[in-house]
Amino acid sequence: MSSLVRHVTIDCADAYALASFWAKALDSQVSDDDRPGDPEVLVESAGAGLLFIQVPEGKTVKNRVHLDLQPEDRTRDEEVERLLGLGATLFEDHRNPDGTGWATLRDPEGNEFCVERSRGERAATV
């Protein structure tokens, strides 16, 4: 018998606000049971849900775990621009002139995540 990842849990200052960002980023939605001010907020997505838990301390160091996003219906660069428009910030740009590489962004609370090339972009460079 094996286990499945049900949720990836992310500590944060404002669970509802950060969950709302990630719901938009993942083309999903915040759980119908969750409201602004709730200390725990869930975003269901394909694979595993993201559970945001409000904690009193702020983020002080680099993430020990981060998410890698792979766009399904747009390019890596289009996805980076979309996420920047939602409130993410570019942290480190590892995109190469030949189209390979990735971009590391930060969500509105400073958590790092990466945007990789789409499956189509990967197939075009094989």
C-alpha atoms as a PDB file:
ATOM      1  CA  MET A   1       0.000   0.000   0.000  1.00  0.00           C
ATOM      2  CA  SER A   2       1.326   3.467  -0.829  1.00  0.00           C
ATOM      3  CA  SER A   3       0.578   7.020   0.165  1.00  0.00           C
ATOM      4  CA  LEU A   4      -0.474   9.956  -2.011  1.00  0.00           C
ATOM      5  CA  VAL A   5       0.321  13.614  -1.489  1.00  0.00           C
ATOM      6  CA  ARG A   6      -3.043  15.121  -0.603  1.00  0.00           C
ATOM      7  CA  HIS A   7      -1.931  18.686   0.164  1.00  0.00           C
ATOM      8  CA  VAL A   8       1.220  20.732  -0.048  1.00  0.00           C
ATOM      9  CA  THR A   9       0.989  23.010   2.991  1.00  0.00           C
ATOM     10  CA  ILE A  10       2.332  26.552   2.864  1.00  0.00           C
ATOM     11  CA  ASP A  11       2.756  28.730   5.954  1.00  0.00           C
ATOM     12  CA  CYS A  12       1.776  32.348   5.368  1.00  0.00           C
ATOM     13  CA  ALA A  13       0.645  35.619   6.960  1.00  0.00           C
ATOM     14  CA  ASP A  14      -2.718  35.878   5.150  1.00  0.00           C
ATOM     15  CA  ALA A  15      -4.048  32.484   4.140  1.00  0.00           C
ATOM     16  CA  TYR A  16      -6.985  33.740   2.089  1.00  0.00           C
ATOM     17  CA  ALA A  17      -5.014  36.363   0.150  1.00  0.00           C
ATOM     18  CA  LEU A  18      -2.172  33.988  -0.723  1.00  0.00           C
ATOM     19  CA  ALA A  19      -4.590  31.177  -1.594  1.00  0.00           C
ATOM     20  CA  SER A  20      -6.437  33.594  -3.890  1.00  0.00           C
ATOM     21  CA  PHE A  21      -3.178  34.359  -5.747  1.00  0.00           C
ATOM     22  CA  TRP A  22      -2.409  30.659  -6.173  1.00  0.00           C
ATOM     23  CA  ALA A  23      -5.988  29.845  -7.219  1.00  0.00           C
ATOM     24  CA  LYS A  24      -5.625  32.346 -10.077  1.00  0.00           C
ATOM     25  CA  ALA A  25      -2.108  31.091 -10.887  1.00  0.00           C
ATOM     26  CA  LEU A  26      -3.402  27.512 -11.184  1.00  0.00           C
ATOM     27  CA  ASP A  27      -6.675  28.410 -12.931  1.00  0.00           C
ATOM     28  CA  SER A  28      -8.488  27.003  -9.917  1.00  0.00           C
ATOM     29  CA  GLN A  29     -10.487  28.438  -7.038  1.00  0.00           C
ATOM     30  CA  VAL A  30     -10.439  28.799  -3.287  1.00  0.00           C
ATOM     31  CA  SER A  31     -12.617  26.194  -1.540  1.00  0.00           C
ATOM     32  CA  ASP A  32     -16.263  27.239  -1.200  1.00  0.00           C
ATOM     33  CA  ASP A  33     -15.953  26.742   2.579  1.00  0.00           C
ATOM     34  CA  ASP A  34     -13.154  29.316   2.977  1.00  0.00           C
ATOM     35  CA  ARG A  35     -13.541  33.051   3.645  1.00  0.00           C
ATOM     36  CA  PRO A  36     -11.245  36.073   4.151  1.00  0.00           C
ATOM     37  CA  GLY A  37      -9.729  35.924   7.632  1.00  0.00           C
ATOM     38  CA  ASP A  38      -9.854  32.113   7.860  1.00  0.00           C
ATOM     39  CA  PRO A  39      -6.613  30.694   9.295  1.00  0.00           C
ATOM     40  CA  GLU A  40      -6.622  27.760   6.826  1.00  0.00           C
ATOM     41  CA  VAL A  41      -7.610  28.002   3.163  1.00  0.00           C
ATOM     42  CA  LEU A  42      -7.579  25.245   0.531  1.00  0.00           C
ATOM     43  CA  VAL A  43      -6.993  25.437  -3.220  1.00  0.00           C
ATOM     44  CA  GLU A  44      -7.691  22.212  -5.102  1.00  0.00           C
ATOM     45  CA  SER A  45      -5.640  21.622  -8.223  1.00  0.00           C
ATOM     46  CA  ALA A  46      -4.752  18.724 -10.463  1.00  0.00           C
ATOM     47  CA  GLY A  47      -2.434  16.387  -8.573  1.00  0.00           C
ATOM     48  CA  ALA A  48      -2.542  17.748  -5.037  1.00  0.00           C
ATOM     49  CA  GLY A  49      -4.244  20.594  -3.248  1.00  0.00           C
ATOM     50  CA  LEU A  50      -2.442  23.550  -1.737  1.00  0.00           C
ATOM     51  CA  LEU A  51      -3.313  24.225   1.883  1.00  0.00           C
ATOM     52  CA  PHE A  52      -2.437  27.674   3.224  1.00  0.00           C
ATOM     53  CA  ILE A  53      -2.008  27.951   7.001  1.00  0.00           C
ATOM     54  CA  GLN A  54      -1.740  31.303   8.753  1.00  0.00           C
ATOM     55  CA  VAL A  55       1.265  31.485  11.099  1.00  0.00           C
ATOM     56  CA  PRO A  56       2.530  34.365  13.263  1.00  0.00           C
ATOM     57  CA  GLU A  57       6.139  34.371  12.068  1.00  0.00           C
ATOM     58  CA  GLY A  58       7.189  35.708   8.677  1.00  0.00           C
ATOM     59  CA  LYS A  59       9.339  34.031   6.046  1.00  0.00           C
ATOM     60  CA  THR A  60      13.010  34.627   6.841  1.00  0.00           C
ATOM     61  CA  VAL A  61      15.049  32.298   4.615  1.00  0.00           C
ATOM     62  CA  LYS A  62      14.916  30.520   1.258  1.00  0.00           C
ATOM     63  CA  ASN A  63      12.149  27.929   0.860  1.00  0.00           C
ATOM     64  CA  ARG A  64      13.101  24.367   1.712  1.00  0.00           C
ATOM     65  CA  VAL A  65      10.454  23.145  -0.765  1.00  0.00           C
ATOM     66  CA  HIS A  66       9.120  24.978  -3.789  1.00  0.00           C
ATOM     67  CA  LEU A  67       6.703  24.385  -6.645  1.00  0.00           C
ATOM     68  CA  ASP A  68       7.776  23.979 -10.274  1.00  0.00           C
ATOM     69  CA  LEU A  69       5.031  25.013 -12.689  1.00  0.00           C
ATOM     70  CA  GLN A  70       4.829  23.758 -16.267  1.00  0.00           C
ATOM     71  CA  PRO A  71       2.295  25.637 -18.402  1.00  0.00           C
ATOM     72  CA  GLU A  72      -0.067  23.462 -20.417  1.00  0.00           C
ATOM     73  CA  ASP A  73      -1.618  25.886 -22.903  1.00  0.00           C
ATOM     74  CA  ARG A  74       0.961  28.661 -23.207  1.00  0.00           C
ATOM     75  CA  THR A  75       4.712  29.089 -23.358  1.00  0.00           C
ATOM     76  CA  ARG A  76       6.980  29.484 -20.363  1.00  0.00           C
ATOM     77  CA  ASP A  77       7.479  33.170 -21.140  1.00  0.00           C
ATOM     78  CA  GLU A  78       3.740  33.788 -21.568  1.00  0.00           C
ATOM     79  CA  GLU A  79       3.142  32.085 -18.225  1.00  0.00           C
ATOM     80  CA  VAL A  80       5.825  34.191 -16.514  1.00  0.00           C
ATOM     81  CA  GLU A  81       4.165  37.366 -17.825  1.00  0.00           C
ATOM     82  CA  ARG A  82       0.720  36.172 -16.704  1.00  0.00           C
ATOM     83  CA  LEU A  83       1.976  35.388 -13.208  1.00  0.00           C
ATOM     84  CA  LEU A  84       3.766  38.742 -12.950  1.00  0.00           C
ATOM     85  CA  GLY A  85       0.428  40.343 -13.810  1.00  0.00           C
ATOM     86  CA  LEU A  86      -1.204  38.453 -10.928  1.00  0.00           C
ATOM     87  CA  GLY A  87       1.303  39.847  -8.414  1.00  0.00           C
ATOM     88  CA  ALA A  88       4.337  37.565  -8.584  1.00  0.00           C
ATOM     89  CA  THR A  89       7.806  39.093  -8.887  1.00  0.00           C
ATOM     90  CA  LEU A  90      10.798  37.864 -10.880  1.00  0.00           C
ATOM     91  CA  PHE A  91      13.503  36.656  -8.489  1.00  0.00           C
ATOM     92  CA  GLU A  92      16.094  34.925 -10.713  1.00  0.00           C
ATOM     93  CA  ASP A  93      16.009  34.552 -14.473  1.00  0.00           C
ATOM     94  CA  HIS A  94      17.590  31.303 -15.686  1.00  0.00           C
ATOM     95  CA  ARG A  95      16.152  31.500 -19.226  1.00  0.00           C
ATOM     96  CA  ASN A  96      18.751  30.966 -21.963  1.00  0.00           C
ATOM     97  CA  PRO A  97      18.927  32.509 -25.457  1.00  0.00           C
ATOM     98  CA  ASP A  98      18.299  29.062 -26.997  1.00  0.00           C
ATOM     99  CA  GLY A  99      14.914  28.831 -25.208  1.00  0.00           C
ATOM    100  CA  THR A 100      15.986  26.412 -22.472  1.00  0.00           C
ATOM    101  CA  GLY A 101      16.011  27.212 -18.769  1.00  0.00           C
ATOM    102  CA  TRP A 102      13.462  28.467 -16.279  1.00  0.00           C
ATOM    103  CA  ALA A 103      12.420  31.541 -14.319  1.00  0.00           C
ATOM    104  CA  THR A 104      12.274  31.702 -10.532  1.00  0.00           C
ATOM    105  CA  LEU A 105       9.498  33.926  -9.242  1.00  0.00           C
ATOM    106  CA  ARG A 106       8.200  34.894  -5.810  1.00  0.00           C
ATOM    107  CA  ASP A 107       4.548  34.868  -4.830  1.00  0.00           C
ATOM    108  CA  PRO A 108       3.081  37.900  -2.986  1.00  0.00           C
ATOM    109  CA  GLU A 109       4.500  36.650   0.357  1.00  0.00           C
ATOM    110  CA  GLY A 110       7.979  35.969  -1.035  1.00  0.00           C
ATOM    111  CA  ASN A 111       7.795  32.188  -1.525  1.00  0.00           C
ATOM    112  CA  GLU A 112       9.948  31.090  -4.455  1.00  0.00           C
ATOM    113  CA  PHE A 113       8.570  28.976  -7.298  1.00  0.00           C
ATOM    114  CA  CYS A 114       9.810  28.148 -10.784  1.00  0.00           C
ATOM    115  CA  VAL A 115       8.204  28.284 -14.207  1.00  0.00           C
ATOM    116  CA  GLU A 116       9.576  25.689 -16.613  1.00  0.00           C
ATOM    117  CA  ARG A 117       9.098  25.253 -20.355  1.00  0.00           C
ATOM    118  CA  SER A 118       5.855  23.753 -21.591  1.00  0.00           C
ATOM    119  CA  ARG A 119       5.755  20.215 -22.895  1.00  0.00           C
ATOM    120  CA  GLY A 120       5.599  21.570 -26.464  1.00  0.00           C
ATOM    121  CA  GLU A 121       8.661  23.767 -25.910  1.00  0.00           C
ATOM    122  CA  ARG A 122      10.571  20.797 -24.500  1.00  0.00           C
ATOM    123  CA  ALA A 123       9.647  18.600 -27.476  1.00  0.00           C
ATOM    124  CA  ALA A 124      10.791  21.286 -29.923  1.00  0.00           C
ATOM    125  CA  THR A 125      14.323  21.290 -28.480  1.00  0.00           C
ATOM    126  CA  VAL A 126      14.897  17.519 -28.359  1.00  0.00           C
END
